[in-house]
């Protein structure tokens, strides 16, 4: 299959040409038929950044982008919800602690703060400070399991806090269960006796994720969550080793709006996971290149986000070498 290699300038011209094609009479009825419909998504070996300090390793994922309006807008994280049919996703204890501190327990009146997590002997070791007890430190250890409705249960045991008698979770936090849930002080967290129930649909920052955790286990320095089952999703042929693929209906990507979407974001270096950051992806796009298939599919080869600085340094060295020749 012959492909056309495009520079960023040529890609901009292509977007303008697509706009002309979209204005051709007879195209509007087809668009109306796909408005509000989801775009299929498939990912493999992607390090997906939610923030500068929070990323999850998507080992595999199949599902759909459900639009909040007429179509998903790639650049606007609140314009769609990612419905997961099947996935295996790993997060480090450090990244999860960052989520808890900066997103879940971020309110000034949250019961705990300065949480840190680590894995030791098959258990999650939890440390933090108790807000209602003059920020004294506490420690606990917990076991992670999925709940029957697809959330994550953290069963806490061996709780300790300086100068405080601790016999259970309520002794430790010093608040009632109803206070935690009804006042909304803690986003995506419920309490059942000595268990914290984490709702993955609310714990992580946007883009919003909907899916049921069916298995969870600790692996080296990772908390691995399985959503659905691998047999629950029909996997399309893999176009690359590390990629994010989008197919069907309508999707807006930058200034380009695609009908019958056929777009694949591909890691330019397959030796390690595809490091992708939605908020900074234009920089990754600029550092890479794009190909168009004969059926007007888009293949975007991107530089890993964590290699952008190194890539710029290498380009500067090449420029300097060229000037001295």
C-alpha atoms as a PDB file:
ATOM      1  CA  UNK A   1       0.000   0.000   0.000  1.00  0.00           C
ATOM      2  CA  UNK A   2       1.500   3.322  -1.052  1.00  0.00           C
ATOM      3  CA  UNK A   3       1.580   5.994   1.627  1.00  0.00           C
ATOM      4  CA  UNK A   4       2.216   9.712   1.448  1.00  0.00           C
ATOM      5  CA  UNK A   5       4.676  11.247   3.928  1.00  0.00           C
ATOM      6  CA  UNK A   6       3.548  14.669   5.162  1.00  0.00           C
ATOM      7  CA  UNK A   7       5.272  17.470   7.039  1.00  0.00           C
ATOM      8  CA  UNK A   8       3.225  19.454   9.602  1.00  0.00           C
ATOM      9  CA  UNK A   9       2.712  22.196   6.949  1.00  0.00           C
ATOM     10  CA  UNK A  10       1.448  19.671   4.409  1.00  0.00           C
ATOM     11  CA  UNK A  11      -0.809  18.163   7.084  1.00  0.00           C
ATOM     12  CA  UNK A  12      -2.370  21.595   7.583  1.00  0.00           C
ATOM     13  CA  UNK A  13      -3.018  21.832   3.827  1.00  0.00           C
ATOM     14  CA  UNK A  14      -4.571  18.362   3.918  1.00  0.00           C
ATOM     15  CA  UNK A  15      -6.919  19.471   6.727  1.00  0.00           C
ATOM     16  CA  UNK A  16      -7.987  22.439   4.569  1.00  0.00           C
ATOM     17  CA  UNK A  17      -8.617  20.102   1.637  1.00  0.00           C
ATOM     18  CA  UNK A  18     -10.682  17.788   3.843  1.00  0.00           C
ATOM     19  CA  UNK A  19     -12.759  20.823   4.742  1.00  0.00           C
ATOM     20  CA  UNK A  20     -13.481  21.419   1.049  1.00  0.00           C
ATOM     21  CA  UNK A  21     -14.478  17.791   0.600  1.00  0.00           C
ATOM     22  CA  UNK A  22     -16.768  18.033   3.632  1.00  0.00           C
ATOM     23  CA  UNK A  23     -18.619  20.903   1.939  1.00  0.00           C
ATOM     24  CA  UNK A  24     -19.591  18.795  -1.074  1.00  0.00           C
ATOM     25  CA  UNK A  25     -23.410  18.406  -1.370  1.00  0.00           C
ATOM     26  CA  UNK A  26     -24.700  15.018  -0.274  1.00  0.00           C
ATOM     27  CA  UNK A  27     -22.299  14.624   2.666  1.00  0.00           C
ATOM     28  CA  UNK A  28     -24.586  16.090   5.365  1.00  0.00           C
ATOM     29  CA  UNK A  29     -27.096  13.188   5.643  1.00  0.00           C
ATOM     30  CA  UNK A  30     -24.243  10.727   6.279  1.00  0.00           C
ATOM     31  CA  UNK A  31     -22.907  12.964   9.030  1.00  0.00           C
ATOM     32  CA  UNK A  32     -26.272  13.207  10.744  1.00  0.00           C
ATOM     33  CA  UNK A  33     -26.452   9.420  10.872  1.00  0.00           C
ATOM     34  CA  UNK A  34     -23.214   9.277  12.885  1.00  0.00           C
ATOM     35  CA  UNK A  35     -23.773  12.247  15.207  1.00  0.00           C
ATOM     36  CA  UNK A  36     -23.674  11.263  18.869  1.00  0.00           C
ATOM     37  CA  UNK A  37     -22.387   7.764  18.100  1.00  0.00           C
ATOM     38  CA  UNK A  38     -19.237   6.375  19.752  1.00  0.00           C
ATOM     39  CA  UNK A  39     -15.834   5.869  18.154  1.00  0.00           C
ATOM     40  CA  UNK A  40     -14.174   2.503  18.708  1.00  0.00           C
ATOM     41  CA  UNK A  41     -10.818   2.671  20.456  1.00  0.00           C
ATOM     42  CA  UNK A  42      -8.041   0.137  20.879  1.00  0.00           C
ATOM     43  CA  UNK A  43      -4.709   0.664  22.663  1.00  0.00           C
ATOM     44  CA  UNK A  44      -1.608  -1.366  23.332  1.00  0.00           C
ATOM     45  CA  UNK A  45       1.454  -0.655  25.499  1.00  0.00           C
ATOM     46  CA  UNK A  46       0.691   3.017  26.177  1.00  0.00           C
ATOM     47  CA  UNK A  47       1.936   5.087  29.122  1.00  0.00           C
ATOM     48  CA  UNK A  48      -1.035   7.461  29.348  1.00  0.00           C
ATOM     49  CA  UNK A  49      -0.540  10.744  31.237  1.00  0.00           C
ATOM     50  CA  UNK A  50      -3.506  12.296  33.038  1.00  0.00           C
ATOM     51  CA  UNK A  51      -1.275  15.026  34.516  1.00  0.00           C
ATOM     52  CA  UNK A  52       2.426  15.871  34.681  1.00  0.00           C
ATOM     53  CA  UNK A  53       2.839  13.486  37.614  1.00  0.00           C
ATOM     54  CA  UNK A  54       0.093  10.884  37.094  1.00  0.00           C
ATOM     55  CA  UNK A  55       0.302   8.255  34.370  1.00  0.00           C
ATOM     56  CA  UNK A  56      -1.039   4.725  33.955  1.00  0.00           C
ATOM     57  CA  UNK A  57       0.412   1.940  31.844  1.00  0.00           C
ATOM     58  CA  UNK A  58      -2.300   0.732  29.473  1.00  0.00           C
ATOM     59  CA  UNK A  59      -1.029  -2.703  28.540  1.00  0.00           C
ATOM     60  CA  UNK A  60      -4.105  -3.382  26.413  1.00  0.00           C
ATOM     61  CA  UNK A  61      -7.500  -1.741  26.069  1.00  0.00           C
ATOM     62  CA  UNK A  62     -10.603  -2.080  23.917  1.00  0.00           C
ATOM     63  CA  UNK A  63     -13.709   0.050  24.144  1.00  0.00           C
ATOM     64  CA  UNK A  64     -15.460   3.151  22.840  1.00  0.00           C
ATOM     65  CA  UNK A  65     -15.296   6.925  23.099  1.00  0.00           C
ATOM     66  CA  UNK A  66     -18.847   8.031  23.829  1.00  0.00           C
ATOM     67  CA  UNK A  67     -19.310  11.715  22.902  1.00  0.00           C
ATOM     68  CA  UNK A  68     -20.850  14.225  25.286  1.00  0.00           C
ATOM     69  CA  UNK A  69     -22.205  16.087  22.241  1.00  0.00           C
ATOM     70  CA  UNK A  70     -22.280  15.468  18.504  1.00  0.00           C
ATOM     71  CA  UNK A  71     -18.823  13.865  18.387  1.00  0.00           C
ATOM     72  CA  UNK A  72     -15.747  13.212  20.545  1.00  0.00           C
ATOM     73  CA  UNK A  73     -13.201  16.040  20.370  1.00  0.00           C
ATOM     74  CA  UNK A  74      -9.739  14.570  20.894  1.00  0.00           C
ATOM     75  CA  UNK A  75      -8.350  17.831  22.287  1.00  0.00           C
ATOM     76  CA  UNK A  76     -11.142  18.327  24.852  1.00  0.00           C
ATOM     77  CA  UNK A  77     -10.962  15.726  27.609  1.00  0.00           C
ATOM     78  CA  UNK A  78     -14.485  16.476  28.854  1.00  0.00           C
ATOM     79  CA  UNK A  79     -16.063  15.980  25.420  1.00  0.00           C
ATOM     80  CA  UNK A  80     -16.132  12.196  25.731  1.00  0.00           C
ATOM     81  CA  UNK A  81     -16.219   9.255  28.131  1.00  0.00           C
ATOM     82  CA  UNK A  82     -14.033   6.210  27.619  1.00  0.00           C
ATOM     83  CA  UNK A  83     -16.172   3.086  28.045  1.00  0.00           C
ATOM     84  CA  UNK A  84     -13.865   0.123  28.647  1.00  0.00           C
ATOM     85  CA  UNK A  85     -15.027  -3.291  27.465  1.00  0.00           C
ATOM     86  CA  UNK A  86     -11.722  -4.973  28.241  1.00  0.00           C
ATOM     87  CA  UNK A  87      -8.371  -3.732  29.538  1.00  0.00           C
ATOM     88  CA  UNK A  88      -5.285  -4.421  31.608  1.00  0.00           C
ATOM     89  CA  UNK A  89      -3.980  -1.252  33.250  1.00  0.00           C
ATOM     90  CA  UNK A  90      -1.105  -0.839  35.717  1.00  0.00           C
ATOM     91  CA  UNK A  91      -0.416   2.088  38.028  1.00  0.00           C
ATOM     92  CA  UNK A  92       2.498   2.550  40.415  1.00  0.00           C
ATOM     93  CA  UNK A  93       1.834   3.165  44.127  1.00  0.00           C
ATOM     94  CA  UNK A  94       3.545   6.557  43.751  1.00  0.00           C
ATOM     95  CA  UNK A  95       1.188   7.609  40.943  1.00  0.00           C
ATOM     96  CA  UNK A  96      -1.863   6.364  42.865  1.00  0.00           C
ATOM     97  CA  UNK A  97      -0.727   8.309  45.951  1.00  0.00           C
ATOM     98  CA  UNK A  98      -0.446  11.422  43.770  1.00  0.00           C
ATOM     99  CA  UNK A  99      -4.041  10.877  42.593  1.00  0.00           C
ATOM    100  CA  UNK A 100      -5.229  10.543  46.194  1.00  0.00           C
ATOM    101  CA  UNK A 101      -3.364  13.656  47.353  1.00  0.00           C
ATOM    102  CA  UNK A 102      -4.037  15.989  44.438  1.00  0.00           C
ATOM    103  CA  UNK A 103      -7.496  14.842  43.352  1.00  0.00           C
ATOM    104  CA  UNK A 104      -9.337  12.594  45.827  1.00  0.00           C
ATOM    105  CA  UNK A 105      -8.224  14.080  49.178  1.00  0.00           C
ATOM    106  CA  UNK A 106      -7.426  17.547  47.787  1.00  0.00           C
ATOM    107  CA  UNK A 107     -10.100  19.443  49.772  1.00  0.00           C
ATOM    108  CA  UNK A 108      -8.832  21.480  52.722  1.00  0.00           C
ATOM    109  CA  UNK A 109     -11.191  19.608  55.070  1.00  0.00           C
ATOM    110  CA  UNK A 110     -10.417  16.110  53.809  1.00  0.00           C
ATOM    111  CA  UNK A 111      -9.809  13.653  56.696  1.00  0.00           C
ATOM    112  CA  UNK A 112      -6.304  12.652  55.593  1.00  0.00           C
ATOM    113  CA  UNK A 113      -3.449  14.193  53.611  1.00  0.00           C
ATOM    114  CA  UNK A 114       0.168  13.611  52.557  1.00  0.00           C
ATOM    115  CA  UNK A 115      -0.559   9.987  51.657  1.00  0.00           C
ATOM    116  CA  UNK A 116       2.233   7.718  50.481  1.00  0.00           C
ATOM    117  CA  UNK A 117       1.920   4.137  49.238  1.00  0.00           C
ATOM    118  CA  UNK A 118       4.316   1.277  48.662  1.00  0.00           C
ATOM    119  CA  UNK A 119       4.082  -2.450  48.032  1.00  0.00           C
ATOM    120  CA  UNK A 120       5.648  -4.822  50.530  1.00  0.00           C
ATOM    121  CA  UNK A 121       5.150  -8.584  50.879  1.00  0.00           C
ATOM    122  CA  UNK A 122       1.985  -8.645  48.792  1.00  0.00           C
ATOM    123  CA  UNK A 123       0.294  -5.803  50.690  1.00  0.00           C
ATOM    124  CA  UNK A 124      -0.102  -2.073  50.165  1.00  0.00           C
ATOM    125  CA  UNK A 125       1.577  -0.064  52.924  1.00  0.00           C
ATOM    126  CA  UNK A 126      -0.216   3.237  53.571  1.00  0.00           C
ATOM    127  CA  UNK A 127       1.148   6.289  55.391  1.00  0.00           C
ATOM    128  CA  UNK A 128      -0.373   9.738  55.857  1.00  0.00           C
ATOM    129  CA  UNK A 129      -1.434  12.469  58.253  1.00  0.00           C
ATOM    130  CA  UNK A 130      -4.738  12.804  60.104  1.00  0.00           C
ATOM    131  CA  UNK A 131      -6.197  16.241  59.457  1.00  0.00           C
ATOM    132  CA  UNK A 132      -8.513  16.319  62.486  1.00  0.00           C
ATOM    133  CA  UNK A 133      -5.775  15.254  64.900  1.00  0.00           C
ATOM    134  CA  UNK A 134      -3.213  18.012  64.354  1.00  0.00           C
ATOM    135  CA  UNK A 135      -1.737  16.232  61.338  1.00  0.00           C
ATOM    136  CA  UNK A 136      -0.233  13.395  63.337  1.00  0.00           C
ATOM    137  CA  UNK A 137       1.103  10.530  61.266  1.00  0.00           C
ATOM    138  CA  UNK A 138      -0.588   7.192  60.780  1.00  0.00           C
ATOM    139  CA  UNK A 139       0.310   3.879  59.181  1.00  0.00           C
ATOM    140  CA  UNK A 140      -1.776   0.975  57.901  1.00  0.00           C
ATOM    141  CA  UNK A 141      -1.475  -1.944  55.536  1.00  0.00           C
ATOM    142  CA  UNK A 142      -4.107  -3.092  53.107  1.00  0.00           C
ATOM    143  CA  UNK A 143      -5.178  -5.763  50.665  1.00  0.00           C
ATOM    144  CA  UNK A 144      -6.701  -4.863  47.293  1.00  0.00           C
ATOM    145  CA  UNK A 145      -9.606  -6.842  45.768  1.00  0.00           C
ATOM    146  CA  UNK A 146     -12.391  -6.060  43.268  1.00  0.00           C
ATOM    147  CA  UNK A 147     -15.939  -5.566  44.530  1.00  0.00           C
ATOM    148  CA  UNK A 148     -18.939  -7.324  42.973  1.00  0.00           C
ATOM    149  CA  UNK A 149     -19.917  -4.113  41.146  1.00  0.00           C
ATOM    150  CA  UNK A 150     -16.486  -3.453  39.640  1.00  0.00           C
ATOM    151  CA  UNK A 151     -14.898  -1.063  42.141  1.00  0.00           C
ATOM    152  CA  UNK A 152     -11.676  -1.517  44.151  1.00  0.00           C
ATOM    153  CA  UNK A 153     -11.747  -2.562  47.812  1.00  0.00           C
ATOM    154  CA  UNK A 154      -8.826  -1.606  50.063  1.00  0.00           C
ATOM    155  CA  UNK A 155      -9.155  -3.602  53.284  1.00  0.00           C
ATOM    156  CA  UNK A 156      -7.070  -1.915  55.967  1.00  0.00           C
ATOM    157  CA  UNK A 157      -5.488  -3.740  58.872  1.00  0.00           C
ATOM    158  CA  UNK A 158      -2.807  -3.087  61.521  1.00  0.00           C
ATOM    159  CA  UNK A 159      -3.643   0.608  61.812  1.00  0.00           C
ATOM    160  CA  UNK A 160      -1.355   2.729  63.964  1.00  0.00           C
ATOM    161  CA  UNK A 161      -1.351   6.417  64.880  1.00  0.00           C
ATOM    162  CA  UNK A 162       0.781   8.304  67.403  1.00  0.00           C
ATOM    163  CA  UNK A 163      -0.893   8.728  70.832  1.00  0.00           C
ATOM    164  CA  UNK A 164      -4.271   7.540  69.482  1.00  0.00           C
ATOM    165  CA  UNK A 165      -6.076   4.293  70.351  1.00  0.00           C
ATOM    166  CA  UNK A 166      -6.954   2.832  66.957  1.00  0.00           C
ATOM    167  CA  UNK A 167      -9.276  -0.157  66.698  1.00  0.00           C
ATOM    168  CA  UNK A 168     -10.736   0.514  63.265  1.00  0.00           C
ATOM    169  CA  UNK A 169     -11.030   2.872  60.350  1.00  0.00           C
ATOM    170  CA  UNK A 170     -13.467   5.219  62.068  1.00  0.00           C
ATOM    171  CA  UNK A 171     -11.134   5.546  65.043  1.00  0.00           C
ATOM    172  CA  UNK A 172      -8.341   6.377  62.638  1.00  0.00           C
ATOM    173  CA  UNK A 173     -10.176   8.980  60.580  1.00  0.00           C
ATOM    174  CA  UNK A 174     -12.281  10.358  63.395  1.00  0.00           C
ATOM    175  CA  UNK A 175     -15.302  10.900  61.160  1.00  0.00           C
ATOM    176  CA  UNK A 176     -18.528   9.095  60.506  1.00  0.00           C
ATOM    177  CA  UNK A 177     -19.205   7.140  57.321  1.00  0.00           C
ATOM    178  CA  UNK A 178     -22.158   9.380  56.432  1.00  0.00           C
ATOM    179  CA  UNK A 179     -19.949  12.446  56.827  1.00  0.00           C
ATOM    180  CA  UNK A 180     -17.443  11.091  54.339  1.00  0.00           C
ATOM    181  CA  UNK A 181     -20.019  10.148  51.709  1.00  0.00           C
ATOM    182  CA  UNK A 182     -22.835  12.698  52.005  1.00  0.00           C
ATOM    183  CA  UNK A 183     -20.759  15.856  52.282  1.00  0.00           C
ATOM    184  CA  UNK A 184     -18.683  14.959  49.237  1.00  0.00           C
ATOM    185  CA  UNK A 185     -15.435  15.606  51.106  1.00  0.00           C
ATOM    186  CA  UNK A 186     -13.851  12.588  49.437  1.00  0.00           C
ATOM    187  CA  UNK A 187     -14.346  12.106  45.705  1.00  0.00           C
ATOM    188  CA  UNK A 188     -14.989   8.541  44.568  1.00  0.00           C
ATOM    189  CA  UNK A 189     -14.462   6.932  47.992  1.00  0.00           C
ATOM    190  CA  UNK A 190     -16.896   5.074  50.222  1.00  0.00           C
ATOM    191  CA  UNK A 191     -16.355   3.367  53.561  1.00  0.00           C
ATOM    192  CA  UNK A 192     -17.531  -0.080  54.649  1.00  0.00           C
ATOM    193  CA  UNK A 193     -16.341  -0.917  58.169  1.00  0.00           C
ATOM    194  CA  UNK A 194     -12.553  -1.109  57.784  1.00  0.00           C
ATOM    195  CA  UNK A 195     -12.622  -1.004  53.991  1.00  0.00           C
ATOM    196  CA  UNK A 196     -12.156   1.905  51.608  1.00  0.00           C
ATOM    197  CA  UNK A 197     -14.058   1.446  48.323  1.00  0.00           C
ATOM    198  CA  UNK A 198     -12.430   3.291  45.416  1.00  0.00           C
ATOM    199  CA  UNK A 199     -14.557   4.049  42.351  1.00  0.00           C
ATOM    200  CA  UNK A 200     -12.264   4.111  39.306  1.00  0.00           C
ATOM    201  CA  UNK A 201     -14.887   6.119  37.405  1.00  0.00           C
ATOM    202  CA  UNK A 202     -14.464   9.019  39.836  1.00  0.00           C
ATOM    203  CA  UNK A 203     -11.002   8.667  41.343  1.00  0.00           C
ATOM    204  CA  UNK A 204      -8.992   9.546  38.225  1.00  0.00           C
ATOM    205  CA  UNK A 205      -9.111  13.021  36.632  1.00  0.00           C
ATOM    206  CA  UNK A 206     -10.698  13.421  33.144  1.00  0.00           C
ATOM    207  CA  UNK A 207     -11.008  12.021  30.549  1.00  0.00           C
ATOM    208  CA  UNK A 208     -13.709  10.071  32.365  1.00  0.00           C
ATOM    209  CA  UNK A 209     -13.438   6.284  32.394  1.00  0.00           C
ATOM    210  CA  UNK A 210     -16.333   3.850  32.751  1.00  0.00           C
ATOM    211  CA  UNK A 211     -15.593   0.169  33.290  1.00  0.00           C
ATOM    212  CA  UNK A 212     -15.765  -2.649  35.808  1.00  0.00           C
ATOM    213  CA  UNK A 213     -12.658  -3.977  37.517  1.00  0.00           C
ATOM    214  CA  UNK A 214     -12.862  -7.771  37.545  1.00  0.00           C
ATOM    215  CA  UNK A 215      -9.385  -8.645  38.834  1.00  0.00           C
ATOM    216  CA  UNK A 216      -6.606  -6.838  40.670  1.00  0.00           C
ATOM    217  CA  UNK A 217      -3.151  -7.948  41.753  1.00  0.00           C
ATOM    218  CA  UNK A 218       0.233  -6.554  42.809  1.00  0.00           C
ATOM    219  CA  UNK A 219       3.139  -7.079  40.468  1.00  0.00           C
ATOM    220  CA  UNK A 220       6.614  -5.774  41.343  1.00  0.00           C
ATOM    221  CA  UNK A 221       6.004  -2.033  41.823  1.00  0.00           C
ATOM    222  CA  UNK A 222       2.651  -1.982  40.032  1.00  0.00           C
ATOM    223  CA  UNK A 223      -1.011  -2.296  40.957  1.00  0.00           C
ATOM    224  CA  UNK A 224      -2.533  -4.148  37.987  1.00  0.00           C
ATOM    225  CA  UNK A 225      -6.255  -3.822  37.259  1.00  0.00           C
ATOM    226  CA  UNK A 226      -8.144  -5.984  34.771  1.00  0.00           C
ATOM    227  CA  UNK A 227     -11.366  -4.536  33.352  1.00  0.00           C
ATOM    228  CA  UNK A 228     -13.914  -6.942  31.861  1.00  0.00           C
ATOM    229  CA  UNK A 229     -12.180  -9.911  30.286  1.00  0.00           C
ATOM    230  CA  UNK A 230      -9.846 -10.153  27.333  1.00  0.00           C
ATOM    231  CA  UNK A 231     -12.412 -12.360  25.611  1.00  0.00           C
ATOM    232  CA  UNK A 232     -15.044  -9.596  25.972  1.00  0.00           C
ATOM    233  CA  UNK A 233     -13.565  -7.470  23.188  1.00  0.00           C
ATOM    234  CA  UNK A 234     -13.029  -8.289  19.526  1.00  0.00           C
ATOM    235  CA  UNK A 235      -9.465  -7.210  18.844  1.00  0.00           C
ATOM    236  CA  UNK A 236      -8.767  -5.752  15.403  1.00  0.00           C
ATOM    237  CA  UNK A 237      -5.465  -6.598  13.651  1.00  0.00           C
ATOM    238  CA  UNK A 238      -2.663  -4.664  15.357  1.00  0.00           C
ATOM    239  CA  UNK A 239      -1.240  -1.906  13.111  1.00  0.00           C
ATOM    240  CA  UNK A 240       1.880  -1.507  15.277  1.00  0.00           C
ATOM    241  CA  UNK A 241       3.431  -2.664  18.543  1.00  0.00           C
ATOM    242  CA  UNK A 242       2.615   0.443  20.617  1.00  0.00           C
ATOM    243  CA  UNK A 243      -0.401   2.414  19.441  1.00  0.00           C
ATOM    244  CA  UNK A 244      -3.761   4.112  20.034  1.00  0.00           C
ATOM    245  CA  UNK A 245      -6.293   3.334  17.270  1.00  0.00           C
ATOM    246  CA  UNK A 246      -9.636   5.035  16.615  1.00  0.00           C
ATOM    247  CA  UNK A 247     -12.213   3.744  14.131  1.00  0.00           C
ATOM    248  CA  UNK A 248     -15.728   4.512  12.927  1.00  0.00           C
ATOM    249  CA  UNK A 249     -18.243   7.387  13.098  1.00  0.00           C
ATOM    250  CA  UNK A 250     -16.920  10.933  13.630  1.00  0.00           C
ATOM    251  CA  UNK A 251     -13.929  12.287  15.562  1.00  0.00           C
ATOM    252  CA  UNK A 252     -12.352  15.735  15.723  1.00  0.00           C
ATOM    253  CA  UNK A 253      -8.561  15.785  15.963  1.00  0.00           C
ATOM    254  CA  UNK A 254      -7.074  19.277  16.117  1.00  0.00           C
ATOM    255  CA  UNK A 255      -8.562  21.153  13.140  1.00  0.00           C
ATOM    256  CA  UNK A 256      -9.396  17.921  11.351  1.00  0.00           C
ATOM    257  CA  UNK A 257     -12.854  16.339  11.594  1.00  0.00           C
ATOM    258  CA  UNK A 258     -12.884  12.760  10.309  1.00  0.00           C
ATOM    259  CA  UNK A 259     -15.956  10.928   9.007  1.00  0.00           C
ATOM    260  CA  UNK A 260     -15.742   7.129   9.214  1.00  0.00           C
ATOM    261  CA  UNK A 261     -12.746   7.633  11.481  1.00  0.00           C
ATOM    262  CA  UNK A 262      -9.583   5.695  10.679  1.00  0.00           C
ATOM    263  CA  UNK A 263      -6.760   7.143  12.769  1.00  0.00           C
ATOM    264  CA  UNK A 264      -3.854   5.408  14.490  1.00  0.00           C
ATOM    265  CA  UNK A 265      -1.326   7.148  16.742  1.00  0.00           C
ATOM    266  CA  UNK A 266       1.878   5.106  16.611  1.00  0.00           C
ATOM    267  CA  UNK A 267       4.961   5.140  18.826  1.00  0.00           C
ATOM    268  CA  UNK A 268       7.994   6.291  16.856  1.00  0.00           C
ATOM    269  CA  UNK A 269      10.189   4.112  19.082  1.00  0.00           C
ATOM    270  CA  UNK A 270       8.713   0.660  19.760  1.00  0.00           C
ATOM    271  CA  UNK A 271      11.475  -0.351  22.194  1.00  0.00           C
ATOM    272  CA  UNK A 272       9.505   0.963  25.184  1.00  0.00           C
ATOM    273  CA  UNK A 273       5.885   1.993  25.898  1.00  0.00           C
ATOM    274  CA  UNK A 274       4.268   4.789  23.902  1.00  0.00           C
ATOM    275  CA  UNK A 275       4.546   7.728  26.320  1.00  0.00           C
ATOM    276  CA  UNK A 276       1.501   9.905  25.542  1.00  0.00           C
ATOM    277  CA  UNK A 277       0.214  13.089  27.198  1.00  0.00           C
ATOM    278  CA  UNK A 278      -3.108  14.436  25.901  1.00  0.00           C
ATOM    279  CA  UNK A 279      -2.437  17.987  27.160  1.00  0.00           C
ATOM    280  CA  UNK A 280       0.919  18.122  25.365  1.00  0.00           C
ATOM    281  CA  UNK A 281       0.325  15.910  22.342  1.00  0.00           C
ATOM    282  CA  UNK A 282       0.720  18.772  19.779  1.00  0.00           C
ATOM    283  CA  UNK A 283       4.409  18.840  20.744  1.00  0.00           C
ATOM    284  CA  UNK A 284       4.628  15.093  20.151  1.00  0.00           C
ATOM    285  CA  UNK A 285       2.817  15.552  16.837  1.00  0.00           C
ATOM    286  CA  UNK A 286       5.182  18.312  15.722  1.00  0.00           C
ATOM    287  CA  UNK A 287       8.235  16.177  16.534  1.00  0.00           C
ATOM    288  CA  UNK A 288       6.925  13.228  14.479  1.00  0.00           C
ATOM    289  CA  UNK A 289       5.430  12.750  11.033  1.00  0.00           C
ATOM    290  CA  UNK A 290       2.184  11.675   9.398  1.00  0.00           C
ATOM    291  CA  UNK A 291       1.176   9.302   6.610  1.00  0.00           C
ATOM    292  CA  UNK A 292      -2.086   9.059   4.687  1.00  0.00           C
ATOM    293  CA  UNK A 293      -3.327   5.697   3.427  1.00  0.00           C
ATOM    294  CA  UNK A 294      -4.961   5.296   0.020  1.00  0.00           C
ATOM    295  CA  UNK A 295      -8.342   5.220   1.797  1.00  0.00           C
ATOM    296  CA  UNK A 296      -7.550   8.521   3.568  1.00  0.00           C
ATOM    297  CA  UNK A 297      -6.754   6.869   6.886  1.00  0.00           C
ATOM    298  CA  UNK A 298      -4.423   8.828   9.143  1.00  0.00           C
ATOM    299  CA  UNK A 299      -1.253   7.262  10.578  1.00  0.00           C
ATOM    300  CA  UNK A 300       0.456   9.582  13.051  1.00  0.00           C
ATOM    301  CA  UNK A 301       3.971   8.636  14.175  1.00  0.00           C
ATOM    302  CA  UNK A 302       4.743  10.420  17.451  1.00  0.00           C
ATOM    303  CA  UNK A 303       7.823  10.943  19.600  1.00  0.00           C
ATOM    304  CA  UNK A 304       7.382   9.770  23.207  1.00  0.00           C
ATOM    305  CA  UNK A 305       6.508  12.638  25.528  1.00  0.00           C
ATOM    306  CA  UNK A 306       9.367  11.743  27.874  1.00  0.00           C
ATOM    307  CA  UNK A 307      11.825  11.970  24.952  1.00  0.00           C
ATOM    308  CA  UNK A 308      10.789  15.359  23.557  1.00  0.00           C
ATOM    309  CA  UNK A 309      13.662  17.249  25.199  1.00  0.00           C
ATOM    310  CA  UNK A 310      16.203  14.679  24.025  1.00  0.00           C
ATOM    311  CA  UNK A 311      14.723  14.799  20.519  1.00  0.00           C
ATOM    312  CA  UNK A 312      15.062  18.618  20.420  1.00  0.00           C
ATOM    313  CA  UNK A 313      18.667  18.405  21.624  1.00  0.00           C
ATOM    314  CA  UNK A 314      19.511  15.942  18.850  1.00  0.00           C
ATOM    315  CA  UNK A 315      17.875  18.173  16.226  1.00  0.00           C
ATOM    316  CA  UNK A 316      19.842  21.185  17.489  1.00  0.00           C
ATOM    317  CA  UNK A 317      23.087  19.196  17.260  1.00  0.00           C
ATOM    318  CA  UNK A 318      22.289  18.239  13.668  1.00  0.00           C
ATOM    319  CA  UNK A 319      21.563  21.874  12.825  1.00  0.00           C
ATOM    320  CA  UNK A 320      24.850  22.978  14.347  1.00  0.00           C
ATOM    321  CA  UNK A 321      26.757  20.277  12.466  1.00  0.00           C
ATOM    322  CA  UNK A 322      25.122  21.404   9.225  1.00  0.00           C
ATOM    323  CA  UNK A 323      26.139  25.039   9.807  1.00  0.00           C
ATOM    324  CA  UNK A 324      29.794  24.114  10.358  1.00  0.00           C
ATOM    325  CA  UNK A 325      30.081  22.066   7.163  1.00  0.00           C
END
